[in-house]
């Protein structure tokens, strides 16, 4: 059930936690940082949370004005959740938590989701030239665009990508940490790649260049 618990503390930190301090709330926010998502997408990204719990967190965040729900126009017609302008102000908070959490050992066999890997890619990007990529992770397609000094990620497929990669989040995460393994990953079938292989290598290699 949704909660209305409060710390009853006038401090702005406590007031913020009254809104986003419930378990899973900030991870729901994380999943919406790259654009609108269907309930099924958010639920799939949080395998440790039940459907009812995700429903409750979304309802609470919507009630607080952090998240808004809307219906996509035809032919899609599906309902999606997205961050409001105020909700998007949480992005630096969530990313700062991620940077701080980098010093904490990763739990064994822990789930690694698509959004986490794409945020990792975006956060460390130092591209030198413009390019467009089609990235497919866990049956979802994303457009990754680079320009000098900036990388953006958005849901959906690009019209004419320079290169495309299809894999799973842990494999892409490993390639971002060690791009030299790309050929081996392709040969083993862990990665499907097409288009300009040099551009794809550049995407992986220049993440922290």
C-alpha atoms as a PDB file:
ATOM      1  CA  UNK A   1       0.000   0.000   0.000  1.00  0.00           C
ATOM      2  CA  UNK A   2       1.176   3.562  -0.636  1.00  0.00           C
ATOM      3  CA  UNK A   3       2.673   5.217   2.405  1.00  0.00           C
ATOM      4  CA  UNK A   4       2.173   8.694   3.789  1.00  0.00           C
ATOM      5  CA  UNK A   5       4.785   8.399   6.516  1.00  0.00           C
ATOM      6  CA  UNK A   6       6.749  11.524   7.330  1.00  0.00           C
ATOM      7  CA  UNK A   7       9.849  12.229   9.365  1.00  0.00           C
ATOM      8  CA  UNK A   8       8.047  15.237  10.813  1.00  0.00           C
ATOM      9  CA  UNK A   9      11.290  17.158  10.496  1.00  0.00           C
ATOM     10  CA  UNK A  10      11.390  20.715   9.107  1.00  0.00           C
ATOM     11  CA  UNK A  11      14.861  20.208   7.602  1.00  0.00           C
ATOM     12  CA  UNK A  12      14.767  20.293   3.794  1.00  0.00           C
ATOM     13  CA  UNK A  13      16.707  17.016   3.645  1.00  0.00           C
ATOM     14  CA  UNK A  14      14.035  15.292   5.716  1.00  0.00           C
ATOM     15  CA  UNK A  15      11.290  16.894   3.618  1.00  0.00           C
ATOM     16  CA  UNK A  16      12.940  15.594   0.454  1.00  0.00           C
ATOM     17  CA  UNK A  17      13.130  12.110   1.952  1.00  0.00           C
ATOM     18  CA  UNK A  18       9.438  12.325   2.786  1.00  0.00           C
ATOM     19  CA  UNK A  19       8.928  12.373  -0.993  1.00  0.00           C
ATOM     20  CA  UNK A  20      11.632  10.042  -2.357  1.00  0.00           C
ATOM     21  CA  UNK A  21      12.961   8.235   0.699  1.00  0.00           C
ATOM     22  CA  UNK A  22      10.814   5.116   0.477  1.00  0.00           C
ATOM     23  CA  UNK A  23      12.564   1.915  -0.642  1.00  0.00           C
ATOM     24  CA  UNK A  24      12.747   1.647  -4.467  1.00  0.00           C
ATOM     25  CA  UNK A  25      11.550   5.251  -5.019  1.00  0.00           C
ATOM     26  CA  UNK A  26      14.888   6.594  -6.249  1.00  0.00           C
ATOM     27  CA  UNK A  27      15.421   3.512  -8.405  1.00  0.00           C
ATOM     28  CA  UNK A  28      12.077   4.215 -10.071  1.00  0.00           C
ATOM     29  CA  UNK A  29      13.338   7.756 -10.679  1.00  0.00           C
ATOM     30  CA  UNK A  30      16.573   6.314 -12.105  1.00  0.00           C
ATOM     31  CA  UNK A  31      14.612   4.260 -14.623  1.00  0.00           C
ATOM     32  CA  UNK A  32      12.852   7.401 -15.893  1.00  0.00           C
ATOM     33  CA  UNK A  33      15.988   9.524 -16.324  1.00  0.00           C
ATOM     34  CA  UNK A  34      16.405   8.497 -19.979  1.00  0.00           C
ATOM     35  CA  UNK A  35      12.815   9.156 -20.985  1.00  0.00           C
ATOM     36  CA  UNK A  36       9.234   7.914 -20.594  1.00  0.00           C
ATOM     37  CA  UNK A  37       8.742   4.255 -19.699  1.00  0.00           C
ATOM     38  CA  UNK A  38       5.806   1.876 -19.632  1.00  0.00           C
ATOM     39  CA  UNK A  39       4.953   0.218 -16.343  1.00  0.00           C
ATOM     40  CA  UNK A  40       6.170  -3.110 -17.720  1.00  0.00           C
ATOM     41  CA  UNK A  41       9.567  -1.554 -18.545  1.00  0.00           C
ATOM     42  CA  UNK A  42       9.988  -0.153 -15.034  1.00  0.00           C
ATOM     43  CA  UNK A  43       8.837  -3.421 -13.483  1.00  0.00           C
ATOM     44  CA  UNK A  44      11.259  -5.472 -15.611  1.00  0.00           C
ATOM     45  CA  UNK A  45      14.141  -3.192 -14.626  1.00  0.00           C
ATOM     46  CA  UNK A  46      13.481  -3.776 -10.911  1.00  0.00           C
ATOM     47  CA  UNK A  47      13.263  -7.573 -10.571  1.00  0.00           C
ATOM     48  CA  UNK A  48      13.605  -7.380  -6.793  1.00  0.00           C
ATOM     49  CA  UNK A  49      10.412  -5.355  -6.436  1.00  0.00           C
ATOM     50  CA  UNK A  50       6.909  -6.775  -6.750  1.00  0.00           C
ATOM     51  CA  UNK A  51       4.385  -5.361  -9.197  1.00  0.00           C
ATOM     52  CA  UNK A  52       2.341  -3.974  -6.307  1.00  0.00           C
ATOM     53  CA  UNK A  53       5.367  -2.262  -4.808  1.00  0.00           C
ATOM     54  CA  UNK A  54       6.328  -0.629  -8.119  1.00  0.00           C
ATOM     55  CA  UNK A  55       2.708   0.463  -8.545  1.00  0.00           C
ATOM     56  CA  UNK A  56       2.744   2.022  -5.085  1.00  0.00           C
ATOM     57  CA  UNK A  57       6.020   3.891  -5.683  1.00  0.00           C
ATOM     58  CA  UNK A  58       4.796   5.252  -9.009  1.00  0.00           C
ATOM     59  CA  UNK A  59       1.507   6.324  -7.444  1.00  0.00           C
ATOM     60  CA  UNK A  60       3.297   8.069  -4.587  1.00  0.00           C
ATOM     61  CA  UNK A  61       5.743   9.836  -6.893  1.00  0.00           C
ATOM     62  CA  UNK A  62       2.875  10.905  -9.116  1.00  0.00           C
ATOM     63  CA  UNK A  63       0.948  12.173  -6.101  1.00  0.00           C
ATOM     64  CA  UNK A  64       3.943  14.263  -5.042  1.00  0.00           C
ATOM     65  CA  UNK A  65       4.378  15.754  -8.517  1.00  0.00           C
ATOM     66  CA  UNK A  66       7.643  13.946  -9.255  1.00  0.00           C
ATOM     67  CA  UNK A  67       6.180  11.694 -11.960  1.00  0.00           C
ATOM     68  CA  UNK A  68       3.369  12.201 -14.451  1.00  0.00           C
ATOM     69  CA  UNK A  69       1.415   9.559 -16.318  1.00  0.00           C
ATOM     70  CA  UNK A  70       0.239  10.073 -19.899  1.00  0.00           C
ATOM     71  CA  UNK A  71      -1.081   8.101 -22.829  1.00  0.00           C
ATOM     72  CA  UNK A  72       0.905   8.012 -26.041  1.00  0.00           C
ATOM     73  CA  UNK A  73      -0.927   8.986 -29.228  1.00  0.00           C
ATOM     74  CA  UNK A  74      -1.930   6.315 -31.759  1.00  0.00           C
ATOM     75  CA  UNK A  75      -0.760   3.942 -33.025  1.00  0.00           C
ATOM     76  CA  UNK A  76       1.115   3.203 -29.778  1.00  0.00           C
ATOM     77  CA  UNK A  77      -1.680   4.173 -27.397  1.00  0.00           C
ATOM     78  CA  UNK A  78       0.160   2.812 -24.354  1.00  0.00           C
ATOM     79  CA  UNK A  79       0.417   4.563 -20.998  1.00  0.00           C
ATOM     80  CA  UNK A  80       3.861   5.754 -19.939  1.00  0.00           C
ATOM     81  CA  UNK A  81       5.363   7.367 -16.875  1.00  0.00           C
ATOM     82  CA  UNK A  82       7.832  10.228 -17.072  1.00  0.00           C
ATOM     83  CA  UNK A  83       9.509  12.697 -14.760  1.00  0.00           C
ATOM     84  CA  UNK A  84       8.049  16.153 -14.369  1.00  0.00           C
ATOM     85  CA  UNK A  85      10.324  19.172 -14.578  1.00  0.00           C
ATOM     86  CA  UNK A  86      10.622  19.088 -10.808  1.00  0.00           C
ATOM     87  CA  UNK A  87      11.302  15.360 -10.927  1.00  0.00           C
ATOM     88  CA  UNK A  88      14.115  15.861 -13.418  1.00  0.00           C
ATOM     89  CA  UNK A  89      15.867  18.046 -10.858  1.00  0.00           C
ATOM     90  CA  UNK A  90      16.591  14.787  -9.031  1.00  0.00           C
ATOM     91  CA  UNK A  91      18.972  13.693 -11.800  1.00  0.00           C
ATOM     92  CA  UNK A  92      22.162  15.184 -10.306  1.00  0.00           C
ATOM     93  CA  UNK A  93      21.154  13.760  -6.917  1.00  0.00           C
ATOM     94  CA  UNK A  94      20.732  10.247  -8.339  1.00  0.00           C
ATOM     95  CA  UNK A  95      23.949  10.463 -10.371  1.00  0.00           C
ATOM     96  CA  UNK A  96      25.867  11.742  -7.349  1.00  0.00           C
ATOM     97  CA  UNK A  97      24.620   8.755  -5.360  1.00  0.00           C
ATOM     98  CA  UNK A  98      25.852   6.533  -8.181  1.00  0.00           C
ATOM     99  CA  UNK A  99      29.296   8.115  -8.099  1.00  0.00           C
ATOM    100  CA  UNK A 100      29.443   7.759  -4.320  1.00  0.00           C
ATOM    101  CA  UNK A 101      28.282   4.148  -4.550  1.00  0.00           C
ATOM    102  CA  UNK A 102      31.172   3.313  -6.855  1.00  0.00           C
ATOM    103  CA  UNK A 103      33.297   2.758  -3.769  1.00  0.00           C
ATOM    104  CA  UNK A 104      30.980   0.047  -2.436  1.00  0.00           C
ATOM    105  CA  UNK A 105      31.748  -3.551  -3.500  1.00  0.00           C
ATOM    106  CA  UNK A 106      29.245  -4.962  -5.986  1.00  0.00           C
ATOM    107  CA  UNK A 107      27.102  -7.739  -4.465  1.00  0.00           C
ATOM    108  CA  UNK A 108      27.734 -11.140  -6.083  1.00  0.00           C
ATOM    109  CA  UNK A 109      25.231 -12.048  -8.806  1.00  0.00           C
ATOM    110  CA  UNK A 110      23.593  -8.614  -8.503  1.00  0.00           C
ATOM    111  CA  UNK A 111      21.239  -7.497 -11.277  1.00  0.00           C
ATOM    112  CA  UNK A 112      22.627  -4.919 -13.697  1.00  0.00           C
ATOM    113  CA  UNK A 113      19.967  -3.159 -15.729  1.00  0.00           C
ATOM    114  CA  UNK A 114      19.911  -1.349 -19.046  1.00  0.00           C
ATOM    115  CA  UNK A 115      19.396   2.139 -17.630  1.00  0.00           C
ATOM    116  CA  UNK A 116      22.325   1.768 -15.241  1.00  0.00           C
ATOM    117  CA  UNK A 117      24.694   0.810 -18.053  1.00  0.00           C
ATOM    118  CA  UNK A 118      23.487   3.581 -20.351  1.00  0.00           C
ATOM    119  CA  UNK A 119      23.864   6.154 -17.575  1.00  0.00           C
ATOM    120  CA  UNK A 120      27.385   4.815 -17.000  1.00  0.00           C
ATOM    121  CA  UNK A 121      28.107   5.254 -20.715  1.00  0.00           C
ATOM    122  CA  UNK A 122      26.659   8.755 -20.810  1.00  0.00           C
ATOM    123  CA  UNK A 123      28.284   9.909 -17.594  1.00  0.00           C
ATOM    124  CA  UNK A 124      31.816   9.050 -18.638  1.00  0.00           C
ATOM    125  CA  UNK A 125      31.581   9.996 -22.312  1.00  0.00           C
ATOM    126  CA  UNK A 126      34.285  12.196 -23.791  1.00  0.00           C
ATOM    127  CA  UNK A 127      33.515  11.892 -27.531  1.00  0.00           C
ATOM    128  CA  UNK A 128      35.543  13.843 -30.059  1.00  0.00           C
ATOM    129  CA  UNK A 129      33.228  13.706 -33.079  1.00  0.00           C
ATOM    130  CA  UNK A 130      29.619  13.328 -34.142  1.00  0.00           C
ATOM    131  CA  UNK A 131      28.132   9.885 -34.669  1.00  0.00           C
ATOM    132  CA  UNK A 132      24.866   7.992 -34.205  1.00  0.00           C
ATOM    133  CA  UNK A 133      24.452   4.484 -32.823  1.00  0.00           C
ATOM    134  CA  UNK A 134      21.668   1.936 -32.490  1.00  0.00           C
ATOM    135  CA  UNK A 135      22.029   0.151 -29.152  1.00  0.00           C
ATOM    136  CA  UNK A 136      19.810  -2.832 -28.363  1.00  0.00           C
ATOM    137  CA  UNK A 137      19.848  -4.165 -24.817  1.00  0.00           C
ATOM    138  CA  UNK A 138      17.446  -6.786 -23.510  1.00  0.00           C
ATOM    139  CA  UNK A 139      15.131  -6.396 -26.522  1.00  0.00           C
ATOM    140  CA  UNK A 140      14.868  -2.604 -26.103  1.00  0.00           C
ATOM    141  CA  UNK A 141      16.359  -0.222 -28.638  1.00  0.00           C
ATOM    142  CA  UNK A 142      18.053   3.082 -27.842  1.00  0.00           C
ATOM    143  CA  UNK A 143      19.558   5.885 -29.885  1.00  0.00           C
ATOM    144  CA  UNK A 144      22.975   7.046 -28.745  1.00  0.00           C
ATOM    145  CA  UNK A 145      24.299  10.237 -30.329  1.00  0.00           C
ATOM    146  CA  UNK A 146      27.695  11.782 -29.851  1.00  0.00           C
ATOM    147  CA  UNK A 147      29.114  15.178 -30.644  1.00  0.00           C
ATOM    148  CA  UNK A 148      32.335  16.714 -29.416  1.00  0.00           C
ATOM    149  CA  UNK A 149      32.246  16.609 -25.623  1.00  0.00           C
ATOM    150  CA  UNK A 150      28.688  15.266 -25.306  1.00  0.00           C
ATOM    151  CA  UNK A 151      26.744  11.997 -25.520  1.00  0.00           C
ATOM    152  CA  UNK A 152      22.958  11.669 -25.386  1.00  0.00           C
ATOM    153  CA  UNK A 153      20.712   8.635 -24.986  1.00  0.00           C
ATOM    154  CA  UNK A 154      17.031   8.395 -25.891  1.00  0.00           C
ATOM    155  CA  UNK A 155      14.537   5.562 -26.353  1.00  0.00           C
ATOM    156  CA  UNK A 156      13.783   4.309 -29.864  1.00  0.00           C
ATOM    157  CA  UNK A 157      15.722   3.445 -32.985  1.00  0.00           C
ATOM    158  CA  UNK A 158      17.630   6.006 -35.085  1.00  0.00           C
ATOM    159  CA  UNK A 159      16.908   6.343 -38.801  1.00  0.00           C
ATOM    160  CA  UNK A 160      20.443   5.929 -40.127  1.00  0.00           C
ATOM    161  CA  UNK A 161      22.956   4.869 -37.458  1.00  0.00           C
ATOM    162  CA  UNK A 162      26.665   4.768 -38.180  1.00  0.00           C
ATOM    163  CA  UNK A 163      26.901   1.512 -36.248  1.00  0.00           C
ATOM    164  CA  UNK A 164      24.706  -0.840 -34.242  1.00  0.00           C
ATOM    165  CA  UNK A 165      25.322  -3.152 -31.321  1.00  0.00           C
ATOM    166  CA  UNK A 166      23.064  -5.775 -29.782  1.00  0.00           C
ATOM    167  CA  UNK A 167      23.990  -7.381 -26.480  1.00  0.00           C
ATOM    168  CA  UNK A 168      23.015  -7.535 -22.803  1.00  0.00           C
ATOM    169  CA  UNK A 169      23.762  -4.941 -20.091  1.00  0.00           C
ATOM    170  CA  UNK A 170      26.538  -6.885 -18.299  1.00  0.00           C
ATOM    171  CA  UNK A 171      28.391  -7.475 -21.569  1.00  0.00           C
ATOM    172  CA  UNK A 172      28.166  -3.832 -22.621  1.00  0.00           C
ATOM    173  CA  UNK A 173      29.302  -2.802 -19.150  1.00  0.00           C
ATOM    174  CA  UNK A 174      32.331  -5.092 -19.461  1.00  0.00           C
ATOM    175  CA  UNK A 175      33.152  -3.660 -22.908  1.00  0.00           C
ATOM    176  CA  UNK A 176      33.003  -0.125 -21.540  1.00  0.00           C
ATOM    177  CA  UNK A 177      35.560  -1.158 -18.943  1.00  0.00           C
ATOM    178  CA  UNK A 178      37.727  -3.011 -21.491  1.00  0.00           C
ATOM    179  CA  UNK A 179      36.916  -2.198 -25.152  1.00  0.00           C
ATOM    180  CA  UNK A 180      39.688  -4.503 -26.390  1.00  0.00           C
ATOM    181  CA  UNK A 181      37.381  -7.465 -25.757  1.00  0.00           C
ATOM    182  CA  UNK A 182      34.966  -6.408 -28.536  1.00  0.00           C
ATOM    183  CA  UNK A 183      36.228  -8.847 -31.188  1.00  0.00           C
ATOM    184  CA  UNK A 184      36.168 -11.755 -28.767  1.00  0.00           C
ATOM    185  CA  UNK A 185      32.635 -10.851 -27.652  1.00  0.00           C
ATOM    186  CA  UNK A 186      31.462 -10.771 -31.275  1.00  0.00           C
ATOM    187  CA  UNK A 187      33.122 -14.096 -32.074  1.00  0.00           C
ATOM    188  CA  UNK A 188      31.557 -15.728 -29.018  1.00  0.00           C
ATOM    189  CA  UNK A 189      28.074 -14.492 -29.957  1.00  0.00           C
ATOM    190  CA  UNK A 190      27.691 -12.275 -26.905  1.00  0.00           C
ATOM    191  CA  UNK A 191      27.600  -9.233 -29.198  1.00  0.00           C
ATOM    192  CA  UNK A 192      26.053  -8.631 -32.601  1.00  0.00           C
ATOM    193  CA  UNK A 193      27.559  -5.621 -34.366  1.00  0.00           C
ATOM    194  CA  UNK A 194      26.960  -3.995 -37.737  1.00  0.00           C
ATOM    195  CA  UNK A 195      27.899  -0.821 -39.562  1.00  0.00           C
ATOM    196  CA  UNK A 196      31.070   1.133 -39.013  1.00  0.00           C
ATOM    197  CA  UNK A 197      33.119  -1.034 -36.652  1.00  0.00           C
ATOM    198  CA  UNK A 198      35.641   1.766 -36.191  1.00  0.00           C
ATOM    199  CA  UNK A 199      32.892   4.101 -34.975  1.00  0.00           C
ATOM    200  CA  UNK A 200      31.676   1.437 -32.578  1.00  0.00           C
ATOM    201  CA  UNK A 201      35.160   0.980 -31.162  1.00  0.00           C
ATOM    202  CA  UNK A 202      35.380   4.731 -30.763  1.00  0.00           C
ATOM    203  CA  UNK A 203      32.137   4.787 -28.760  1.00  0.00           C
ATOM    204  CA  UNK A 204      33.549   2.239 -26.337  1.00  0.00           C
ATOM    205  CA  UNK A 205      37.107   3.559 -26.252  1.00  0.00           C
ATOM    206  CA  UNK A 206      36.351   7.255 -25.822  1.00  0.00           C
ATOM    207  CA  UNK A 207      34.099   6.813 -22.823  1.00  0.00           C
ATOM    208  CA  UNK A 208      36.874   7.995 -20.531  1.00  0.00           C
ATOM    209  CA  UNK A 209      39.269   9.427 -23.099  1.00  0.00           C
END
